[in-house]
């Protein structure tokens, strides 16, 4: 399985002891897009931005889609396994504690992060999803052992229906996740409120 991703790693002063934020961009972004947001979560945090390898009209994504809001589920699951493999065999320069990984994803990046949680529920210490959709239906049972999940959606989001985002949050709760759901008066774009709420949640749930 191919596992070479382009990435940007910014290490803390004590990288092997600290939490690492995995940063997953939206469609058309790259490994640098969310670094400024990651820095807002405080000091002594590693930042690892990873670029999606799929190109849609020249724009990087993490997995293919059939149309707007319609995922190629087979490719999504394959790319999730590929990402998981990469994170388990990181380049030698990335020396971090793999038990302290928190994923932060926006839009397309939020969706691959959600898939990572569904397929490997014990892998992440926490998950921040900004403008997510439900990745796919789960076959069989699933247990998420109280993993903290932050979700931020927009009332005016053209890409994600308000009801769908709320149902996704409820579904994660039913699986056992500790979900904080936020519905903001905005569209698909990110706002300062998104980030301030996520940072507050992070300090409470993840970094004490």
N, C-alpha and C. Protein backbone atom coordinates (compact mmCIF):
# COMPACT_ATOMS: atom_id res chain seq x y z
N UNK A 1 0.85 -1.21 0.00
CA UNK A 1 0.00 0.00 0.00
C UNK A 1 0.88 1.25 0.00
N UNK A 2 0.65 2.11 -0.94
CA UNK A 2 1.44 3.34 -1.01
C UNK A 2 1.17 4.20 0.22
N UNK A 3 2.22 4.75 0.81
CA UNK A 3 2.01 5.50 2.05
C UNK A 3 2.88 6.75 2.13
N UNK A 4 3.24 7.31 1.01
CA UNK A 4 4.04 8.53 1.02
C UNK A 4 3.13 9.75 0.92
N UNK A 5 3.09 10.51 1.97
CA UNK A 5 2.30 11.73 2.02
C UNK A 5 3.24 12.93 2.13
N UNK A 6 2.83 14.04 1.56
CA UNK A 6 3.54 15.28 1.81
C UNK A 6 3.01 15.84 3.13
N UNK A 7 3.92 16.37 3.93
CA UNK A 7 3.52 16.80 5.26
C UNK A 7 4.36 17.98 5.72
N UNK A 8 3.87 18.63 6.76
CA UNK A 8 4.61 19.70 7.44
C UNK A 8 4.56 19.38 8.92
N UNK A 9 5.73 19.12 9.51
CA UNK A 9 5.80 18.76 10.92
C UNK A 9 6.49 19.88 11.69
N UNK A 10 5.78 20.42 12.66
CA UNK A 10 6.34 21.43 13.55
C UNK A 10 6.34 20.84 14.95
N UNK A 11 7.52 20.57 15.46
CA UNK A 11 7.61 19.89 16.75
C UNK A 11 7.67 20.86 17.91
N UNK A 12 7.20 20.39 19.05
CA UNK A 12 7.26 21.16 20.28
C UNK A 12 8.66 21.02 20.89
N UNK A 13 8.85 21.59 22.05
CA UNK A 13 10.15 21.49 22.72
C UNK A 13 10.40 20.08 23.23
N UNK A 14 9.32 19.38 23.55
CA UNK A 14 9.44 17.99 24.02
C UNK A 14 8.49 17.11 23.20
N UNK A 15 8.79 16.91 21.91
CA UNK A 15 7.85 16.27 20.98
C UNK A 15 7.41 14.87 21.36
N UNK A 16 8.28 14.10 22.00
CA UNK A 16 7.93 12.72 22.32
C UNK A 16 7.05 12.60 23.56
N UNK A 17 6.81 13.72 24.23
CA UNK A 17 5.96 13.72 25.43
C UNK A 17 4.63 14.42 25.19
N UNK A 18 4.57 15.28 24.18
CA UNK A 18 3.42 16.17 24.01
C UNK A 18 2.37 15.62 23.05
N UNK A 19 1.20 16.22 23.13
CA UNK A 19 0.10 15.90 22.21
C UNK A 19 0.47 16.36 20.80
N UNK A 20 0.05 15.59 19.81
CA UNK A 20 0.24 15.97 18.40
C UNK A 20 -1.11 16.22 17.76
N UNK A 21 -1.27 17.40 17.19
CA UNK A 21 -2.47 17.71 16.41
C UNK A 21 -2.24 17.28 14.96
N UNK A 22 -3.06 16.36 14.48
CA UNK A 22 -3.04 15.96 13.07
C UNK A 22 -3.96 16.90 12.32
N UNK A 23 -3.44 17.61 11.35
CA UNK A 23 -4.19 18.66 10.67
C UNK A 23 -4.56 18.22 9.25
N UNK A 24 -5.87 18.10 9.00
CA UNK A 24 -6.40 17.64 7.72
C UNK A 24 -7.19 18.76 7.05
N UNK A 25 -6.68 19.25 5.94
CA UNK A 25 -7.22 20.41 5.24
C UNK A 25 -8.53 20.10 4.50
N UNK A 26 -9.18 21.15 4.01
CA UNK A 26 -10.35 21.00 3.15
C UNK A 26 -9.94 20.87 1.69
N UNK A 27 -10.91 20.66 0.80
CA UNK A 27 -10.63 20.52 -0.63
C UNK A 27 -9.86 21.73 -1.16
N UNK A 28 -8.75 21.44 -1.84
CA UNK A 28 -7.94 22.51 -2.40
C UNK A 28 -6.86 23.03 -1.48
N UNK A 29 -6.80 22.49 -0.26
CA UNK A 29 -5.79 22.94 0.68
C UNK A 29 -4.52 22.10 0.58
N UNK A 30 -3.64 22.30 1.56
CA UNK A 30 -2.43 21.49 1.60
C UNK A 30 -1.99 21.33 3.05
N UNK A 31 -0.79 20.80 3.22
CA UNK A 31 -0.28 20.48 4.56
C UNK A 31 0.00 21.71 5.41
N UNK A 32 -0.01 22.88 4.81
CA UNK A 32 0.29 24.12 5.54
C UNK A 32 -0.96 24.89 5.97
N UNK A 33 -2.09 24.56 5.38
CA UNK A 33 -3.31 25.36 5.56
C UNK A 33 -3.72 25.58 7.01
N UNK A 34 -3.70 24.52 7.80
CA UNK A 34 -4.25 24.61 9.15
C UNK A 34 -3.18 24.83 10.22
N UNK A 35 -1.94 24.99 9.79
CA UNK A 35 -0.87 25.24 10.76
C UNK A 35 -1.15 26.49 11.61
N UNK A 36 -1.56 27.63 11.02
CA UNK A 36 -1.85 28.81 11.85
C UNK A 36 -2.96 28.54 12.87
N UNK A 37 -3.96 27.76 12.49
CA UNK A 37 -5.02 27.40 13.43
C UNK A 37 -4.47 26.49 14.52
N UNK A 38 -3.64 25.52 14.13
CA UNK A 38 -3.05 24.61 15.11
C UNK A 38 -2.26 25.35 16.17
N UNK A 39 -1.58 26.41 15.77
CA UNK A 39 -0.76 27.18 16.71
C UNK A 39 -1.61 27.88 17.78
N UNK A 40 -2.89 28.06 17.49
CA UNK A 40 -3.78 28.71 18.45
C UNK A 40 -4.15 27.82 19.63
N UNK A 41 -3.81 26.54 19.53
CA UNK A 41 -4.16 25.60 20.60
C UNK A 41 -3.15 25.59 21.73
N UNK A 42 -2.12 26.42 21.62
CA UNK A 42 -1.19 26.59 22.72
C UNK A 42 0.20 26.07 22.44
N UNK A 43 1.07 26.24 23.41
CA UNK A 43 2.44 25.79 23.29
C UNK A 43 2.54 24.31 23.69
N UNK A 44 3.69 23.74 23.46
CA UNK A 44 3.95 22.34 23.81
C UNK A 44 2.98 21.39 23.13
N UNK A 45 2.70 21.67 21.85
CA UNK A 45 1.88 20.79 21.02
C UNK A 45 2.60 20.60 19.69
N UNK A 46 2.72 19.36 19.26
CA UNK A 46 3.26 19.08 17.93
C UNK A 46 2.17 19.31 16.89
N UNK A 47 2.55 19.80 15.73
CA UNK A 47 1.61 20.01 14.62
C UNK A 47 2.08 19.19 13.43
N UNK A 48 1.18 18.36 12.91
CA UNK A 48 1.50 17.55 11.74
C UNK A 48 0.41 17.74 10.68
N UNK A 49 0.71 18.60 9.72
CA UNK A 49 -0.21 18.82 8.60
C UNK A 49 0.08 17.81 7.50
N UNK A 50 -0.95 17.15 6.99
CA UNK A 50 -0.78 16.11 5.98
C UNK A 50 -1.62 16.46 4.75
N UNK A 51 -1.00 16.41 3.59
CA UNK A 51 -1.72 16.75 2.35
C UNK A 51 -2.42 15.51 1.77
N UNK A 52 -3.68 15.69 1.37
CA UNK A 52 -4.38 14.63 0.68
C UNK A 52 -3.75 14.35 -0.68
N UNK A 53 -3.80 13.09 -1.12
CA UNK A 53 -3.10 12.70 -2.34
C UNK A 53 -4.00 12.65 -3.57
N UNK A 54 -5.32 12.72 -3.37
CA UNK A 54 -6.24 12.71 -4.51
C UNK A 54 -6.36 14.12 -5.08
N UNK A 55 -6.39 14.23 -6.40
CA UNK A 55 -6.59 15.53 -7.04
C UNK A 55 -7.94 15.56 -7.74
N UNK A 56 -8.71 16.59 -7.43
CA UNK A 56 -10.00 16.81 -8.09
C UNK A 56 -9.91 18.15 -8.80
N UNK A 57 -9.81 18.11 -10.13
CA UNK A 57 -9.59 19.33 -10.92
C UNK A 57 -8.38 20.10 -10.40
N UNK A 58 -7.34 19.34 -10.05
CA UNK A 58 -6.10 19.94 -9.58
C UNK A 58 -6.07 20.30 -8.11
N UNK A 59 -7.18 20.07 -7.39
CA UNK A 59 -7.27 20.43 -5.98
C UNK A 59 -7.08 19.20 -5.10
N UNK A 60 -6.14 19.25 -4.16
CA UNK A 60 -5.91 18.10 -3.28
C UNK A 60 -7.11 17.78 -2.40
N UNK A 61 -7.38 16.48 -2.29
CA UNK A 61 -8.39 15.94 -1.39
C UNK A 61 -7.84 14.65 -0.77
N UNK A 62 -8.55 14.15 0.24
CA UNK A 62 -8.11 12.92 0.88
C UNK A 62 -8.73 11.67 0.25
N UNK A 63 -9.86 11.84 -0.44
CA UNK A 63 -10.50 10.70 -1.08
C UNK A 63 -11.40 11.21 -2.20
N UNK A 64 -11.77 10.32 -3.09
CA UNK A 64 -12.59 10.69 -4.24
C UNK A 64 -14.06 10.86 -3.84
N UNK A 65 -14.77 11.61 -4.63
CA UNK A 65 -16.22 11.70 -4.48
C UNK A 65 -16.86 11.59 -5.86
N UNK A 66 -18.08 11.11 -5.83
CA UNK A 66 -18.82 10.90 -7.07
C UNK A 66 -19.48 12.21 -7.52
N UNK A 67 -19.89 13.00 -6.57
CA UNK A 67 -20.51 14.30 -6.83
C UNK A 67 -20.50 15.10 -5.54
N UNK A 68 -21.08 16.29 -5.57
CA UNK A 68 -21.13 17.15 -4.38
C UNK A 68 -21.87 16.43 -3.26
N UNK A 69 -21.16 16.15 -2.17
CA UNK A 69 -21.76 15.49 -1.03
C UNK A 69 -21.96 13.99 -1.19
N UNK A 70 -21.47 13.41 -2.29
CA UNK A 70 -21.62 11.98 -2.54
C UNK A 70 -20.23 11.35 -2.59
N UNK A 71 -19.89 10.59 -1.57
CA UNK A 71 -18.55 10.04 -1.44
C UNK A 71 -18.38 8.74 -2.22
N UNK A 72 -17.16 8.52 -2.68
CA UNK A 72 -16.77 7.22 -3.19
C UNK A 72 -16.36 6.41 -1.95
N UNK A 73 -17.28 5.64 -1.41
CA UNK A 73 -17.07 4.99 -0.12
C UNK A 73 -15.90 4.01 -0.16
N UNK A 74 -15.80 3.27 -1.23
CA UNK A 74 -14.70 2.31 -1.35
C UNK A 74 -13.35 3.01 -1.30
N UNK A 75 -13.25 4.14 -2.01
CA UNK A 75 -11.99 4.89 -2.00
C UNK A 75 -11.75 5.53 -0.64
N UNK A 76 -12.81 6.03 -0.01
CA UNK A 76 -12.68 6.65 1.32
C UNK A 76 -12.10 5.64 2.32
N UNK A 77 -12.63 4.42 2.30
CA UNK A 77 -12.14 3.41 3.24
C UNK A 77 -10.69 3.01 2.91
N UNK A 78 -10.38 2.91 1.63
CA UNK A 78 -9.00 2.59 1.23
C UNK A 78 -8.05 3.69 1.68
N UNK A 79 -8.43 4.95 1.45
CA UNK A 79 -7.56 6.07 1.81
C UNK A 79 -7.42 6.21 3.33
N UNK A 80 -8.46 5.81 4.06
CA UNK A 80 -8.39 5.83 5.52
C UNK A 80 -7.36 4.81 6.00
N UNK A 81 -7.38 3.62 5.41
CA UNK A 81 -6.39 2.60 5.76
C UNK A 81 -4.98 3.06 5.40
N UNK A 82 -4.87 3.73 4.27
CA UNK A 82 -3.58 4.24 3.82
C UNK A 82 -3.04 5.29 4.79
N UNK A 83 -3.91 6.18 5.24
CA UNK A 83 -3.52 7.21 6.19
C UNK A 83 -3.12 6.60 7.53
N UNK A 84 -3.90 5.63 7.97
CA UNK A 84 -3.61 4.94 9.22
C UNK A 84 -2.24 4.26 9.15
N UNK A 85 -1.95 3.64 8.02
CA UNK A 85 -0.66 2.98 7.82
C UNK A 85 0.49 3.99 7.90
N UNK A 86 0.29 5.14 7.27
CA UNK A 86 1.30 6.20 7.31
C UNK A 86 1.55 6.67 8.74
N UNK A 87 0.47 6.88 9.50
CA UNK A 87 0.60 7.38 10.86
C UNK A 87 1.24 6.36 11.79
N UNK A 88 1.17 5.10 11.42
CA UNK A 88 1.79 4.05 12.23
C UNK A 88 3.24 3.79 11.85
N UNK A 89 3.67 4.33 10.73
CA UNK A 89 5.06 4.16 10.30
C UNK A 89 5.61 5.49 9.80
N UNK A 90 5.61 6.46 10.68
CA UNK A 90 6.00 7.83 10.34
C UNK A 90 7.49 7.91 9.99
N UNK A 91 7.87 8.89 9.16
CA UNK A 91 9.29 9.11 8.87
C UNK A 91 10.09 9.32 10.14
N UNK A 92 11.37 9.00 10.09
CA UNK A 92 12.22 9.01 11.29
C UNK A 92 12.30 10.38 11.96
N UNK A 93 12.09 11.44 11.19
CA UNK A 93 12.18 12.78 11.78
C UNK A 93 10.98 13.11 12.67
N UNK A 94 9.91 12.33 12.54
CA UNK A 94 8.69 12.59 13.33
C UNK A 94 8.66 11.64 14.51
N UNK A 95 9.27 12.06 15.60
CA UNK A 95 9.31 11.24 16.82
C UNK A 95 8.28 11.80 17.80
N UNK A 96 7.14 11.12 17.89
CA UNK A 96 6.04 11.59 18.73
C UNK A 96 5.43 10.40 19.48
N UNK A 97 4.60 10.71 20.47
CA UNK A 97 3.85 9.69 21.20
C UNK A 97 2.56 9.41 20.44
N UNK A 98 2.46 8.23 19.84
CA UNK A 98 1.30 7.90 19.02
C UNK A 98 0.05 7.61 19.85
N UNK A 99 0.19 7.65 21.16
CA UNK A 99 -0.98 7.51 22.03
C UNK A 99 -1.58 8.88 22.36
N UNK A 100 -0.96 9.93 21.82
CA UNK A 100 -1.43 11.29 22.09
C UNK A 100 -1.71 12.03 20.79
N UNK A 101 -2.47 11.38 19.91
CA UNK A 101 -2.84 11.99 18.62
C UNK A 101 -4.26 12.53 18.68
N UNK A 102 -4.41 13.80 18.32
CA UNK A 102 -5.72 14.43 18.22
C UNK A 102 -5.88 14.94 16.79
N UNK A 103 -6.91 14.49 16.10
CA UNK A 103 -7.13 14.90 14.72
C UNK A 103 -7.99 16.16 14.67
N UNK A 104 -7.58 17.10 13.83
CA UNK A 104 -8.36 18.31 13.56
C UNK A 104 -8.55 18.40 12.05
N UNK A 105 -9.80 18.30 11.62
CA UNK A 105 -10.07 18.32 10.19
C UNK A 105 -11.17 19.29 9.82
N UNK A 106 -11.00 19.91 8.66
CA UNK A 106 -12.01 20.84 8.12
C UNK A 106 -12.59 20.26 6.83
N UNK A 107 -13.92 20.18 6.74
CA UNK A 107 -14.62 19.76 5.54
C UNK A 107 -14.14 18.39 5.07
N UNK A 108 -13.52 18.28 3.92
CA UNK A 108 -13.01 17.00 3.45
C UNK A 108 -12.06 16.37 4.46
N UNK A 109 -11.26 17.19 5.11
CA UNK A 109 -10.35 16.70 6.14
C UNK A 109 -11.09 16.20 7.38
N UNK A 110 -12.21 16.85 7.71
CA UNK A 110 -13.02 16.39 8.84
C UNK A 110 -13.62 15.02 8.55
N UNK A 111 -13.95 14.79 7.28
CA UNK A 111 -14.59 13.53 6.90
C UNK A 111 -13.61 12.35 6.93
N UNK A 112 -12.39 12.55 6.49
CA UNK A 112 -11.41 11.46 6.58
C UNK A 112 -11.06 11.22 8.05
N UNK A 113 -11.04 12.28 8.86
CA UNK A 113 -10.78 12.13 10.28
C UNK A 113 -11.91 11.34 10.95
N UNK A 114 -13.15 11.60 10.54
CA UNK A 114 -14.28 10.85 11.05
C UNK A 114 -14.20 9.38 10.67
N UNK A 115 -13.78 9.12 9.45
CA UNK A 115 -13.60 7.75 9.00
C UNK A 115 -12.50 7.05 9.79
N UNK A 116 -11.45 7.78 10.12
CA UNK A 116 -10.35 7.24 10.93
C UNK A 116 -10.87 6.80 12.30
N UNK A 117 -11.76 7.60 12.87
CA UNK A 117 -12.35 7.25 14.17
C UNK A 117 -13.24 6.01 14.06
N UNK A 118 -14.03 5.93 13.00
CA UNK A 118 -14.94 4.80 12.84
C UNK A 118 -14.19 3.48 12.59
N UNK A 119 -13.13 3.55 11.80
CA UNK A 119 -12.40 2.34 11.45
C UNK A 119 -11.40 1.92 12.53
N UNK A 120 -10.88 2.91 13.27
CA UNK A 120 -9.87 2.63 14.30
C UNK A 120 -10.24 3.41 15.57
N UNK A 121 -11.31 2.99 16.25
CA UNK A 121 -11.89 3.79 17.34
C UNK A 121 -10.97 4.01 18.54
N UNK A 122 -9.92 3.21 18.69
CA UNK A 122 -9.02 3.38 19.83
C UNK A 122 -7.73 4.12 19.46
N UNK A 123 -7.66 4.61 18.23
CA UNK A 123 -6.42 5.20 17.74
C UNK A 123 -6.22 6.65 18.18
N UNK A 124 -7.29 7.43 18.19
CA UNK A 124 -7.20 8.85 18.48
C UNK A 124 -7.52 9.16 19.94
N UNK A 125 -6.78 10.13 20.48
CA UNK A 125 -7.07 10.63 21.82
C UNK A 125 -8.25 11.60 21.80
N UNK A 126 -8.50 12.20 20.64
CA UNK A 126 -9.59 13.15 20.49
C UNK A 126 -9.76 13.53 19.03
N UNK A 127 -10.89 14.16 18.72
CA UNK A 127 -11.20 14.51 17.33
C UNK A 127 -11.93 15.84 17.28
N UNK A 128 -11.44 16.73 16.42
CA UNK A 128 -12.08 18.03 16.17
C UNK A 128 -12.54 18.03 14.73
N UNK A 129 -13.86 18.09 14.51
CA UNK A 129 -14.43 18.09 13.17
C UNK A 129 -15.11 19.43 12.90
N UNK A 130 -14.61 20.12 11.89
CA UNK A 130 -15.17 21.41 11.49
C UNK A 130 -15.87 21.23 10.16
N UNK A 131 -17.19 21.37 10.15
CA UNK A 131 -18.05 21.19 8.97
C UNK A 131 -18.00 19.75 8.43
N UNK A 132 -18.24 18.75 9.29
CA UNK A 132 -18.17 17.37 8.82
C UNK A 132 -19.49 16.86 8.25
N UNK A 133 -19.38 15.76 7.52
CA UNK A 133 -20.52 14.95 7.11
C UNK A 133 -20.30 13.54 7.66
N UNK A 134 -21.36 12.77 7.73
CA UNK A 134 -21.23 11.36 8.09
C UNK A 134 -20.51 10.65 6.96
N UNK A 135 -19.41 9.94 7.25
CA UNK A 135 -18.65 9.31 6.18
C UNK A 135 -19.40 8.19 5.46
N UNK A 136 -20.02 7.29 6.23
CA UNK A 136 -20.71 6.14 5.65
C UNK A 136 -21.46 5.39 6.75
N UNK A 137 -22.28 4.46 6.35
CA UNK A 137 -23.01 3.61 7.29
C UNK A 137 -22.06 2.57 7.88
N UNK A 138 -22.24 2.29 9.15
CA UNK A 138 -21.44 1.29 9.83
C UNK A 138 -22.14 -0.07 9.74
N UNK A 139 -21.37 -1.07 9.37
CA UNK A 139 -21.90 -2.44 9.33
C UNK A 139 -21.51 -3.14 10.62
N UNK A 140 -22.49 -3.65 11.33
CA UNK A 140 -22.22 -4.32 12.60
C UNK A 140 -22.13 -3.34 13.75
N UNK A 141 -21.57 -3.81 14.85
CA UNK A 141 -21.49 -2.99 16.06
C UNK A 141 -20.19 -2.19 16.10
N UNK A 142 -20.21 -1.11 16.86
CA UNK A 142 -19.02 -0.26 17.01
C UNK A 142 -19.03 0.31 18.42
N UNK A 143 -17.86 0.31 19.05
CA UNK A 143 -17.72 0.88 20.38
C UNK A 143 -16.61 1.91 20.38
N UNK A 144 -16.98 3.16 20.64
CA UNK A 144 -16.01 4.24 20.81
C UNK A 144 -15.95 4.54 22.31
N UNK A 145 -14.83 4.26 22.91
CA UNK A 145 -14.72 4.30 24.36
C UNK A 145 -14.54 5.72 24.92
N UNK A 146 -15.63 6.48 24.85
CA UNK A 146 -15.67 7.81 25.46
C UNK A 146 -14.65 8.78 24.87
N UNK A 147 -14.25 8.55 23.62
CA UNK A 147 -13.31 9.47 22.96
C UNK A 147 -13.96 10.85 22.82
N UNK A 148 -13.29 11.92 23.24
CA UNK A 148 -13.85 13.26 23.11
C UNK A 148 -13.90 13.70 21.63
N UNK A 149 -15.05 14.19 21.21
CA UNK A 149 -15.24 14.66 19.83
C UNK A 149 -15.89 16.04 19.85
N UNK A 150 -15.26 16.96 19.14
CA UNK A 150 -15.81 18.32 18.97
C UNK A 150 -16.31 18.45 17.54
N UNK A 151 -17.57 18.87 17.39
CA UNK A 151 -18.14 19.08 16.07
C UNK A 151 -18.66 20.50 15.97
N UNK A 152 -18.32 21.18 14.89
CA UNK A 152 -18.81 22.53 14.65
C UNK A 152 -19.42 22.60 13.25
N UNK A 153 -20.71 22.95 13.19
CA UNK A 153 -21.43 23.03 11.92
C UNK A 153 -22.03 24.42 11.74
N UNK A 154 -22.40 24.74 10.49
CA UNK A 154 -22.98 26.05 10.19
C UNK A 154 -24.45 25.96 9.79
N UNK A 155 -25.27 26.84 10.34
CA UNK A 155 -26.70 26.86 10.00
C UNK A 155 -26.92 27.14 8.52
N UNK A 156 -26.03 27.91 7.92
CA UNK A 156 -26.19 28.32 6.52
C UNK A 156 -25.24 27.56 5.59
N UNK A 157 -24.77 26.41 6.04
CA UNK A 157 -23.80 25.64 5.27
C UNK A 157 -24.45 25.07 4.01
N UNK A 158 -23.91 25.40 2.84
CA UNK A 158 -24.46 24.92 1.57
C UNK A 158 -24.13 23.45 1.34
N UNK A 159 -23.11 22.94 2.02
CA UNK A 159 -22.62 21.59 1.75
C UNK A 159 -23.16 20.54 2.72
N UNK A 160 -23.48 20.96 3.94
CA UNK A 160 -23.90 20.00 4.96
C UNK A 160 -25.21 20.46 5.58
N UNK A 161 -26.23 19.61 5.47
CA UNK A 161 -27.54 19.91 6.04
C UNK A 161 -27.47 19.90 7.57
N UNK A 162 -28.14 20.87 8.19
CA UNK A 162 -28.12 21.00 9.65
C UNK A 162 -28.60 19.73 10.35
N UNK A 163 -29.67 19.15 9.84
CA UNK A 163 -30.21 17.92 10.43
C UNK A 163 -29.22 16.77 10.32
N UNK A 164 -28.55 16.68 9.17
CA UNK A 164 -27.58 15.61 8.96
C UNK A 164 -26.41 15.71 9.94
N UNK A 165 -25.94 16.93 10.18
CA UNK A 165 -24.80 17.11 11.09
C UNK A 165 -25.21 16.77 12.53
N UNK A 166 -26.44 17.13 12.89
CA UNK A 166 -26.93 16.80 14.24
C UNK A 166 -27.09 15.29 14.40
N UNK A 167 -27.60 14.63 13.35
CA UNK A 167 -27.75 13.17 13.40
C UNK A 167 -26.39 12.47 13.51
N UNK A 168 -25.38 13.02 12.83
CA UNK A 168 -24.03 12.46 12.92
C UNK A 168 -23.50 12.56 14.35
N UNK A 169 -23.73 13.70 14.99
CA UNK A 169 -23.30 13.86 16.38
C UNK A 169 -24.01 12.86 17.28
N UNK A 170 -25.32 12.69 17.08
CA UNK A 170 -26.10 11.74 17.89
C UNK A 170 -25.62 10.31 17.67
N UNK A 171 -25.28 10.00 16.43
CA UNK A 171 -24.80 8.65 16.12
C UNK A 171 -23.49 8.36 16.84
N UNK A 172 -22.59 9.33 16.85
CA UNK A 172 -21.32 9.15 17.55
C UNK A 172 -21.55 8.96 19.05
N UNK A 173 -22.51 9.69 19.59
CA UNK A 173 -22.84 9.51 21.01
C UNK A 173 -23.34 8.10 21.26
N UNK A 174 -24.16 7.58 20.36
CA UNK A 174 -24.69 6.23 20.51
C UNK A 174 -23.58 5.18 20.47
N UNK A 175 -22.49 5.50 19.77
CA UNK A 175 -21.34 4.59 19.71
C UNK A 175 -20.49 4.69 20.97
N UNK A 176 -20.73 5.73 21.78
CA UNK A 176 -19.99 5.88 23.02
C UNK A 176 -19.03 7.05 23.08
N UNK A 177 -19.02 7.89 22.02
CA UNK A 177 -18.13 9.05 22.02
C UNK A 177 -18.68 10.15 22.94
N UNK A 178 -17.79 10.96 23.47
CA UNK A 178 -18.14 12.11 24.29
C UNK A 178 -18.19 13.33 23.36
N UNK A 179 -19.38 13.63 22.84
CA UNK A 179 -19.52 14.61 21.76
C UNK A 179 -19.95 15.98 22.26
N UNK A 180 -19.23 17.00 21.80
CA UNK A 180 -19.63 18.39 22.00
C UNK A 180 -20.05 18.93 20.63
N UNK A 181 -21.36 19.22 20.47
CA UNK A 181 -21.89 19.66 19.18
C UNK A 181 -22.20 21.15 19.21
N UNK A 182 -21.73 21.86 18.18
CA UNK A 182 -21.94 23.30 18.11
C UNK A 182 -22.51 23.67 16.74
N UNK A 183 -23.63 24.37 16.74
CA UNK A 183 -24.24 24.85 15.51
C UNK A 183 -24.15 26.37 15.49
N UNK A 184 -23.36 26.89 14.56
CA UNK A 184 -23.09 28.32 14.52
C UNK A 184 -23.88 29.01 13.40
N UNK A 185 -24.08 30.29 13.55
CA UNK A 185 -24.84 31.06 12.57
C UNK A 185 -23.91 31.51 11.44
N UNK A 186 -23.47 30.54 10.66
CA UNK A 186 -22.53 30.82 9.57
C UNK A 186 -22.70 29.77 8.49
N UNK A 187 -21.86 29.87 7.45
CA UNK A 187 -21.93 28.92 6.34
C UNK A 187 -20.87 27.85 6.45
N UNK A 188 -20.32 27.44 5.30
CA UNK A 188 -19.31 26.38 5.29
C UNK A 188 -17.94 26.92 5.69
N UNK A 189 -17.78 28.23 5.59
CA UNK A 189 -16.49 28.85 5.95
C UNK A 189 -16.25 28.80 7.45
N UNK A 190 -14.99 28.76 7.83
CA UNK A 190 -14.64 28.77 9.25
C UNK A 190 -14.66 30.20 9.79
N UNK A 191 -14.95 30.32 11.08
CA UNK A 191 -14.99 31.62 11.73
C UNK A 191 -14.12 31.60 12.98
N UNK A 192 -13.88 32.77 13.53
CA UNK A 192 -13.14 32.86 14.79
C UNK A 192 -13.86 32.13 15.91
N UNK A 193 -15.19 32.11 15.84
CA UNK A 193 -15.97 31.42 16.87
C UNK A 193 -15.70 29.91 16.84
N UNK A 194 -15.59 29.35 15.64
CA UNK A 194 -15.25 27.94 15.52
C UNK A 194 -13.97 27.62 16.29
N UNK A 195 -12.96 28.43 16.03
CA UNK A 195 -11.64 28.16 16.61
C UNK A 195 -11.63 28.39 18.11
N UNK A 196 -12.26 29.47 18.56
CA UNK A 196 -12.25 29.76 20.00
C UNK A 196 -13.00 28.67 20.78
N UNK A 197 -14.10 28.17 20.23
CA UNK A 197 -14.84 27.09 20.88
C UNK A 197 -14.02 25.81 20.89
N UNK A 198 -13.34 25.53 19.79
CA UNK A 198 -12.52 24.32 19.71
C UNK A 198 -11.35 24.38 20.68
N UNK A 199 -10.71 25.53 20.79
CA UNK A 199 -9.59 25.70 21.71
C UNK A 199 -10.05 25.52 23.16
N UNK A 200 -11.20 26.11 23.48
CA UNK A 200 -11.75 25.98 24.83
C UNK A 200 -12.05 24.50 25.15
N UNK A 201 -12.65 23.82 24.18
CA UNK A 201 -12.95 22.39 24.34
C UNK A 201 -11.67 21.59 24.52
N UNK A 202 -10.66 21.88 23.73
CA UNK A 202 -9.36 21.19 23.77
C UNK A 202 -8.73 21.31 25.15
N UNK A 203 -8.75 22.50 25.70
CA UNK A 203 -8.14 22.73 27.01
C UNK A 203 -8.89 22.00 28.12
N UNK A 204 -10.20 21.86 27.93
CA UNK A 204 -11.02 21.18 28.94
C UNK A 204 -10.94 19.67 28.83
N UNK A 205 -11.02 19.16 27.58
CA UNK A 205 -11.17 17.72 27.38
C UNK A 205 -9.86 16.98 27.13
N UNK A 206 -8.88 17.68 26.55
CA UNK A 206 -7.68 17.00 26.10
C UNK A 206 -6.45 17.39 26.90
N UNK A 207 -6.17 18.67 26.96
CA UNK A 207 -4.91 19.14 27.58
C UNK A 207 -5.21 19.83 28.89
N UNK A 208 -5.14 19.08 29.97
CA UNK A 208 -5.41 19.63 31.30
C UNK A 208 -4.17 20.27 31.91
